[in-house]
C-alpha cells in the first residue's frame, strides 16, 4: 500500500513517528519545503504519483478534503482523514473506537458510522459533538456518584447466578474445543479437560503444591523454572487464570511453548480489569493483570501463531468489579467489546509445525 501524506506540521509529526514512512511516496504542502529529508510536492503534483491512499495529516482535514475533491481528479474513496490513524491525539480519544468507521463522501463531508448502525455526517468541527455524546455518556457520572464504596459482593458473582469470568472462559474454550485433543495438560484440576473430553487421549494435571505426591498423570510442577514440564509433549495446554498468579513470569512463556508438540495449542485466559482475587492472594499470590498487547508480547514468537481475543466493556467492567453475575447483564451487554476496557484477555497460541 502506497501513501501520499498531506501535511507536515505538528499534527503529522506527532502521528507519523509511530507509523513509519517506508510506504510514503510523497508529502504534500501548499508551499515547497523539506520534511524528513524529502522535498514536499504541491497539491497539483499529486496526479504525477502512483498511490493507493491520501492521508490528511492536519487538524484542518475537512478544508483540505474539500480542496482535494474540488481538484476534480481525486477519488474520495482514496482519501483518509488523519483522525482514523493511530495513535489518537487527546482530543480524538473520545471520538474513535474499535466500532467506528469513517469514509469521505463525494461532497467532501465525512460519514461517521458507529457499530454499523448509527451514522453522522461531519461537515464542520462542531458536528463532532454529537459523536462524543454517543461514545461517552455524561449521565453515568451521576450514577457513580450515587454508589457506596462497598461492592455488591466479593465472590465474583458466583452465588448470584454465575461468574462473568467463567462465562467468557466457557465461550472462549468452546470456540477452540477442537484444539483440546490428544495429550492435554490443565492446571490444578481437570474442569475443562473433563468438559471437552471428546478428543482427549491422555489427561495430565499440574499442581503447584510442593508437597503434592505425584500420582499417575497428576504431578507437581512449577511454571517459573519449568520443574515437572516435559518438552515437545502436549497437544494442548489449558491455562485458565493462572498467569495472574505467577510471581516471576519471565521464563514462563517459553516453558509453555517448549512443552507443546509442534502443532500443539496453548489456550490462555487472564484477567485484565479485575478486583484482586483474595483467595489467590492469600495462598500463592496475585501479581498481575494483563492487556492484549502484553499477552501478544509474551507469546508471539517465530515458532508460534498467537490469536488474541478480548472481552469486556465499561458496563461489564463495572459489573465484574462490583461482584455481579453474568446473568444480571443482557446478552447485548456481554457481547459488546470495547478495546479500551479489557476485562479479560484470552489467546490461542499454536506452536508451528
Protein backbone atom coordinates (compact mmCIF):
# COMPACT_ATOMS: atom_id res chain seq x y z
CA UNK A 1 0.00 0.00 0.00
CA UNK A 2 1.46 3.32 -1.11
CA UNK A 3 0.52 6.59 0.59
CA UNK A 4 0.66 10.29 -0.07
CA UNK A 5 0.53 12.38 3.10
CA UNK A 6 -0.84 15.91 3.08
CA UNK A 7 0.58 17.95 5.94
CA UNK A 8 3.93 18.13 7.68
CA UNK A 9 3.04 20.22 10.74
CA UNK A 10 2.74 19.30 14.45
CA UNK A 11 -0.27 17.02 13.82
CA UNK A 12 1.69 14.95 11.30
CA UNK A 13 4.86 14.91 13.38
CA UNK A 14 3.01 13.55 16.41
CA UNK A 15 1.44 10.66 14.49
CA UNK A 16 3.96 9.72 11.86
CA UNK A 17 6.74 8.86 14.30
CA UNK A 18 4.65 5.84 15.30
CA UNK A 19 3.66 4.91 11.74
CA UNK A 20 6.87 4.87 9.72
CA UNK A 21 7.37 6.32 6.26
CA UNK A 22 8.65 3.43 4.12
CA UNK A 23 5.41 3.35 2.12
CA UNK A 24 5.03 7.13 1.78
CA UNK A 25 5.69 8.21 -1.82
CA UNK A 26 5.32 11.95 -1.20
CA UNK A 27 4.45 14.67 1.31
CA UNK A 28 2.18 17.49 0.20
CA UNK A 29 2.25 21.14 1.26
CA UNK A 30 0.90 24.28 -0.40
CA UNK A 31 4.42 25.68 -0.45
CA UNK A 32 7.61 23.81 -1.23
CA UNK A 33 9.58 22.80 1.85
CA UNK A 34 11.68 19.90 3.11
CA UNK A 35 10.30 17.28 5.50
CA UNK A 36 12.24 14.27 6.78
CA UNK A 37 14.91 14.90 4.17
CA UNK A 38 12.45 14.99 1.28
CA UNK A 39 11.20 17.92 -0.74
CA UNK A 40 7.44 18.23 -0.48
CA UNK A 41 5.20 18.42 -3.53
CA UNK A 42 2.40 20.84 -4.37
CA UNK A 43 -1.27 19.71 -4.49
CA UNK A 44 -1.36 19.93 -8.28
CA UNK A 45 1.57 17.49 -8.50
CA UNK A 46 -0.35 14.64 -6.83
CA UNK A 47 -1.54 13.39 -10.23
CA UNK A 48 2.08 12.64 -11.17
CA UNK A 49 2.39 9.94 -8.47
CA UNK A 50 1.15 6.38 -8.13
CA UNK A 51 -0.58 5.86 -4.76
CA UNK A 52 -3.33 3.90 -3.05
CA UNK A 53 -4.44 6.40 -0.38
CA UNK A 54 -4.01 10.04 0.55
CA UNK A 55 -3.82 10.64 4.31
CA UNK A 56 -4.70 14.13 5.54
CA UNK A 57 -2.36 14.73 8.48
CA UNK A 58 -3.72 18.07 9.59
CA UNK A 59 -6.27 19.45 12.04
CA UNK A 60 -7.81 21.18 9.02
CA UNK A 61 -8.67 17.92 7.26
CA UNK A 62 -12.24 18.97 6.42
CA UNK A 63 -10.99 22.00 4.49
CA UNK A 64 -8.22 20.01 2.80
CA UNK A 65 -10.58 17.21 1.77
CA UNK A 66 -12.90 19.75 0.14
CA UNK A 67 -9.91 21.25 -1.66
CA UNK A 68 -8.80 17.82 -2.91
CA UNK A 69 -12.24 16.94 -4.24
CA UNK A 70 -12.56 20.34 -5.89
CA UNK A 71 -9.45 19.50 -7.91
CA UNK A 72 -11.67 17.05 -9.79
CA UNK A 73 -9.21 14.20 -10.28
CA UNK A 74 -9.11 12.69 -6.78
CA UNK A 75 -11.26 9.69 -5.86
CA UNK A 76 -12.95 10.43 -2.47
CA UNK A 77 -12.62 6.74 -1.63
CA UNK A 78 -8.84 7.14 -1.59
CA UNK A 79 -8.86 9.94 0.99
CA UNK A 80 -8.26 9.13 4.68
CA UNK A 81 -8.66 11.81 7.37
CA UNK A 82 -5.86 11.69 9.92
CA UNK A 83 -8.28 11.10 12.79
CA UNK A 84 -8.57 7.49 11.59
CA UNK A 85 -4.85 6.87 12.06
CA UNK A 86 -3.42 5.75 15.36
CA UNK A 87 -2.15 6.86 17.77
CA UNK A 88 -5.16 9.05 18.50
CA UNK A 89 -4.44 12.53 19.80
CA UNK A 90 -6.05 13.54 23.14
CA UNK A 91 -8.96 15.36 21.51
CA UNK A 92 -9.64 12.30 19.30
CA UNK A 93 -9.80 9.70 22.07
CA UNK A 94 -13.48 10.31 22.85
CA UNK A 95 -14.46 10.23 19.17
CA UNK A 96 -12.92 6.95 17.97
CA UNK A 97 -13.31 3.32 18.99
CA UNK A 98 -12.92 -0.16 17.56
CA UNK A 99 -16.53 0.12 16.34
CA UNK A 100 -16.15 3.31 14.30
CA UNK A 101 -15.71 3.73 10.56
CA UNK A 102 -15.14 6.94 8.62
CA UNK A 103 -15.42 7.44 4.89
CA UNK A 104 -15.23 10.53 2.72
CA UNK A 105 -18.42 11.48 0.89
CA UNK A 106 -18.29 12.82 -2.69
CA UNK A 107 -19.22 16.29 -1.38
CA UNK A 108 -16.20 16.37 0.95
CA UNK A 109 -18.06 15.69 4.19
CA UNK A 110 -17.30 12.68 6.37
CA UNK A 111 -19.69 9.80 7.02
CA UNK A 112 -19.05 8.57 10.56
CA UNK A 113 -20.60 5.19 11.40
CA UNK A 114 -20.74 3.63 14.87
CA UNK A 115 -21.45 -0.10 15.38
CA UNK A 116 -22.61 -0.31 11.77
CA UNK A 117 -25.89 1.34 12.77
CA UNK A 118 -25.64 4.94 13.94
CA UNK A 119 -24.36 7.36 11.28
CA UNK A 120 -23.46 11.03 11.35
CA UNK A 121 -22.39 13.46 8.67
CA UNK A 122 -19.41 15.56 9.73
CA UNK A 123 -19.33 18.80 7.74
CA UNK A 124 -17.78 21.10 10.34
CA UNK A 125 -15.86 20.79 13.60
CA UNK A 126 -18.98 21.33 15.74
CA UNK A 127 -20.54 18.16 14.30
CA UNK A 128 -18.17 16.03 16.37
CA UNK A 129 -20.13 16.96 19.49
CA UNK A 130 -22.95 14.56 18.55
CA UNK A 131 -20.42 11.77 18.09
CA UNK A 132 -18.96 12.25 21.56
CA UNK A 133 -22.45 12.06 23.06
CA UNK A 134 -22.82 8.59 21.56
CA UNK A 135 -19.46 7.25 22.72
CA UNK A 136 -19.45 8.88 26.16
CA UNK A 137 -22.47 9.07 28.48
CA UNK A 138 -22.16 12.02 30.85
CA UNK A 139 -25.17 10.81 32.87
CA UNK A 140 -23.12 7.86 34.11
CA UNK A 141 -21.21 10.27 36.35
CA UNK A 142 -24.39 10.79 38.41
CA UNK A 143 -24.81 7.03 38.81
CA UNK A 144 -21.23 6.64 40.01
CA UNK A 145 -21.60 9.49 42.49
CA UNK A 146 -24.63 7.75 43.99
CA UNK A 147 -22.74 4.50 44.63
CA UNK A 148 -21.49 3.43 48.02
CA UNK A 149 -17.86 2.44 48.39
CA UNK A 150 -18.68 -1.23 49.06
CA UNK A 151 -19.14 -3.74 46.20
CA UNK A 152 -22.21 -5.88 45.55
CA UNK A 153 -20.19 -8.94 46.56
CA UNK A 154 -16.67 -10.34 46.70
CA UNK A 155 -17.26 -13.80 45.23
CA UNK A 156 -17.08 -12.71 41.58
CA UNK A 157 -20.83 -13.16 41.11
CA UNK A 158 -20.76 -16.92 41.57
CA UNK A 159 -23.55 -17.14 44.20
CA UNK A 160 -25.64 -14.55 42.33
CA UNK A 161 -26.06 -16.60 39.15
CA UNK A 162 -22.62 -17.28 37.69
CA UNK A 163 -19.25 -15.63 37.29
CA UNK A 164 -18.73 -13.21 34.41
CA UNK A 165 -15.20 -14.59 34.23
CA UNK A 166 -16.38 -18.17 33.75
CA UNK A 167 -18.99 -17.05 31.20
CA UNK A 168 -16.26 -15.73 28.90
CA UNK A 169 -13.86 -18.62 29.56
CA UNK A 170 -16.58 -21.11 28.63
CA UNK A 171 -17.25 -19.15 25.44
CA UNK A 172 -13.57 -18.98 24.51
CA UNK A 173 -12.84 -22.66 25.13
CA UNK A 174 -15.98 -23.70 23.28
CA UNK A 175 -14.72 -21.73 20.28
CA UNK A 176 -11.42 -23.65 20.47
CA UNK A 177 -12.70 -27.03 21.61
CA UNK A 178 -11.26 -28.73 18.50
CA UNK A 179 -7.78 -27.88 19.86
CA UNK A 180 -8.44 -29.79 23.12
CA UNK A 181 -7.17 -33.13 21.87
CA UNK A 182 -4.51 -35.80 22.34
CA UNK A 183 -2.35 -35.21 25.40
CA UNK A 184 -3.90 -32.37 27.38
CA UNK A 185 -2.47 -30.57 30.40
CA UNK A 186 -4.56 -28.48 32.78
CA UNK A 187 -3.54 -26.69 35.95
CA UNK A 188 -4.79 -27.59 39.47
CA UNK A 189 -7.82 -29.57 38.29
CA UNK A 190 -9.43 -31.03 35.15
CA UNK A 191 -12.52 -28.82 34.95
CA UNK A 192 -12.24 -28.03 31.25
CA UNK A 193 -10.42 -31.16 30.15
CA UNK A 194 -13.37 -33.16 31.52
CA UNK A 195 -15.90 -30.89 29.83
CA UNK A 196 -14.25 -31.22 26.42
CA UNK A 197 -13.15 -34.86 26.62
CA UNK A 198 -14.24 -35.95 23.14
CA UNK A 199 -10.77 -35.86 21.54
CA UNK A 200 -8.66 -36.20 24.71
CA UNK A 201 -6.47 -39.30 24.83
CA UNK A 202 -4.40 -38.57 27.95
CA UNK A 203 -5.30 -36.07 30.68
CA UNK A 204 -2.49 -34.57 32.79
CA UNK A 205 -2.80 -32.17 35.72
CA UNK A 206 -0.06 -29.93 37.13
CA UNK A 207 -0.26 -29.00 40.83
CA UNK A 208 1.64 -26.07 42.40
CA UNK A 209 1.67 -27.57 45.90
CA UNK A 210 5.28 -28.60 46.61
CA UNK A 211 4.07 -31.30 48.98
CA UNK A 212 1.96 -32.92 46.27
CA UNK A 213 2.85 -36.55 45.78
CA UNK A 214 2.77 -37.41 42.08
CA UNK A 215 0.07 -39.90 41.22
CA UNK A 216 -0.26 -41.18 37.67
CA UNK A 217 -0.85 -38.20 35.40
CA UNK A 218 -1.05 -35.76 38.32
CA UNK A 219 2.29 -34.18 39.22
CA UNK A 220 3.96 -31.25 40.98
CA UNK A 221 5.20 -28.56 38.63
CA UNK A 222 6.50 -25.01 38.57
CA UNK A 223 5.93 -22.68 35.62
CA UNK A 224 8.58 -20.26 36.91
CA UNK A 225 11.52 -22.61 36.32
CA UNK A 226 9.91 -25.44 34.32
CA UNK A 227 10.03 -28.09 37.05
CA UNK A 228 7.86 -31.06 36.04
CA UNK A 229 7.32 -29.85 32.47
CA UNK A 230 8.37 -32.02 29.52
CA UNK A 231 9.42 -30.63 26.17
CA UNK A 232 7.56 -31.45 22.93
CA UNK A 233 5.00 -33.42 24.93
CA UNK A 234 1.48 -31.90 24.95
CA UNK A 235 -1.02 -31.41 22.15
CA UNK A 236 -2.89 -28.86 24.25
CA UNK A 237 -2.33 -26.92 27.46
CA UNK A 238 -5.33 -25.27 29.14
CA UNK A 239 -4.12 -22.32 31.21
CA UNK A 240 -7.12 -20.52 32.70
CA UNK A 241 -6.49 -17.60 35.10
CA UNK A 242 -3.03 -18.87 36.01
CA UNK A 243 -0.61 -16.23 34.76
CA UNK A 244 -2.10 -13.61 37.09
CA UNK A 245 -0.80 -15.68 40.00
CA UNK A 246 2.77 -16.43 38.85
CA UNK A 247 5.21 -14.08 40.55
CA UNK A 248 8.06 -14.33 38.04
CA UNK A 249 6.73 -14.86 34.52
CA UNK A 250 9.89 -14.05 32.57
CA UNK A 251 10.56 -17.65 31.54
CA UNK A 252 7.00 -18.97 31.68
CA UNK A 253 6.01 -18.28 28.03
CA UNK A 254 8.99 -20.20 26.65
CA UNK A 255 8.49 -23.06 29.12
CA UNK A 256 4.89 -23.44 27.96
CA UNK A 257 5.68 -23.14 24.25
CA UNK A 258 8.51 -25.69 24.52
CA UNK A 259 6.16 -28.12 26.29
CA UNK A 260 3.87 -28.22 23.27
CA UNK A 261 4.37 -30.61 20.41
CA UNK A 262 4.78 -28.89 17.05
CA UNK A 263 1.19 -28.17 16.02
CA UNK A 264 0.04 -28.10 19.65
CA UNK A 265 -2.01 -25.28 21.14
CA UNK A 266 -1.83 -23.32 24.37
CA UNK A 267 -5.20 -21.90 25.46
CA UNK A 268 -4.68 -18.94 27.80
CA UNK A 269 -7.14 -16.81 29.77
CA UNK A 270 -6.13 -13.94 32.06
CA UNK A 271 -7.83 -11.07 33.86
CA UNK A 272 -7.38 -7.51 32.69
CA UNK A 273 -9.62 -5.12 34.64
CA UNK A 274 -10.30 -7.05 37.80
CA UNK A 275 -10.60 -6.92 41.58
CA UNK A 276 -7.84 -8.69 43.46
CA UNK A 277 -8.66 -12.36 43.94
CA UNK A 278 -8.24 -12.54 47.70
CA UNK A 279 -8.48 -16.33 47.65
CA UNK A 280 -5.40 -16.47 45.40
CA UNK A 281 -3.59 -13.56 47.02
CA UNK A 282 -3.57 -15.09 50.49
CA UNK A 283 -2.45 -18.54 49.31
CA UNK A 284 0.05 -18.19 46.48
CA UNK A 285 -0.22 -14.56 45.43
CA UNK A 286 -1.98 -12.47 42.81
CA UNK A 287 0.60 -10.38 40.94
CA UNK A 288 -0.53 -9.21 37.51
CA UNK A 289 -3.34 -8.04 35.28
CA UNK A 290 -2.84 -8.05 31.52
CA UNK A 291 -3.68 -6.39 28.22
CA UNK A 292 -3.82 -7.90 24.75
CA UNK A 293 -0.51 -6.19 23.91
CA UNK A 294 1.09 -7.75 26.98
CA UNK A 295 -0.01 -11.29 26.14
CA UNK A 296 0.94 -10.87 22.49
CA UNK A 297 4.37 -9.63 23.52
CA UNK A 298 4.85 -12.64 25.78
CA UNK A 299 3.77 -15.39 23.40
CA UNK A 300 4.34 -14.11 19.87
CA UNK A 301 7.50 -15.73 18.52
CA UNK A 302 9.00 -17.06 15.30
CA UNK A 303 7.65 -20.52 16.03
CA UNK A 304 4.16 -19.51 17.21
CA UNK A 305 0.87 -18.21 15.86
CA UNK A 306 -0.86 -16.11 18.51
CA UNK A 307 -4.57 -15.31 18.16
CA UNK A 308 -5.80 -12.84 20.78
CA UNK A 309 -9.39 -12.22 21.86
CA UNK A 310 -10.52 -9.54 24.27
CA UNK A 311 -13.79 -9.41 26.20
CA UNK A 312 -15.45 -6.63 28.12
CA UNK A 313 -16.63 -3.04 28.04
CA UNK A 314 -17.31 -0.26 30.54
CA UNK A 315 -20.52 -1.84 31.85
CA UNK A 316 -19.08 -5.34 32.12
CA UNK A 317 -16.03 -3.90 33.90
CA UNK A 318 -18.24 -2.14 36.44
CA UNK A 319 -20.33 -5.28 36.99
CA UNK A 320 -17.27 -7.51 37.37
CA UNK A 321 -15.55 -5.11 39.76
CA UNK A 322 -18.73 -4.96 41.80
CA UNK A 323 -19.11 -8.73 42.08
CA UNK A 324 -22.22 -9.10 39.91
CA UNK A 325 -23.17 -12.23 37.95
CA UNK A 326 -23.30 -12.57 34.18
CA UNK A 327 -27.00 -13.40 34.49
CA UNK A 328 -27.60 -9.85 35.69
CA UNK A 329 -26.41 -8.48 32.35
CA UNK A 330 -28.04 -8.76 28.94
CA UNK A 331 -26.60 -10.77 26.07
CA UNK A 332 -26.02 -7.49 24.26
CA UNK A 333 -24.05 -6.13 27.23
CA UNK A 334 -21.84 -9.21 27.33
CA UNK A 335 -21.17 -9.34 23.58
CA UNK A 336 -20.14 -5.72 23.17
CA UNK A 337 -16.34 -5.39 23.17
CA UNK A 338 -14.57 -2.10 23.86
CA UNK A 339 -10.83 -2.50 23.35
CA UNK A 340 -10.19 0.19 25.98
CA UNK A 341 -11.96 -1.85 28.69
CA UNK A 342 -10.26 -5.23 28.51
CA UNK A 343 -11.83 -7.15 31.37
CA UNK A 344 -10.47 -10.45 30.07
CA UNK A 345 -7.79 -11.33 27.55
CA UNK A 346 -7.64 -14.78 26.01
CA UNK A 347 -5.26 -16.30 23.50
CA UNK A 348 -4.82 -19.41 21.41
CA UNK A 349 -1.07 -19.88 20.91
CA UNK A 350 -0.19 -22.53 18.37
CA UNK A 351 3.32 -23.89 18.05
CA UNK A 352 4.13 -24.04 14.36
CA UNK A 353 4.94 -27.34 12.71
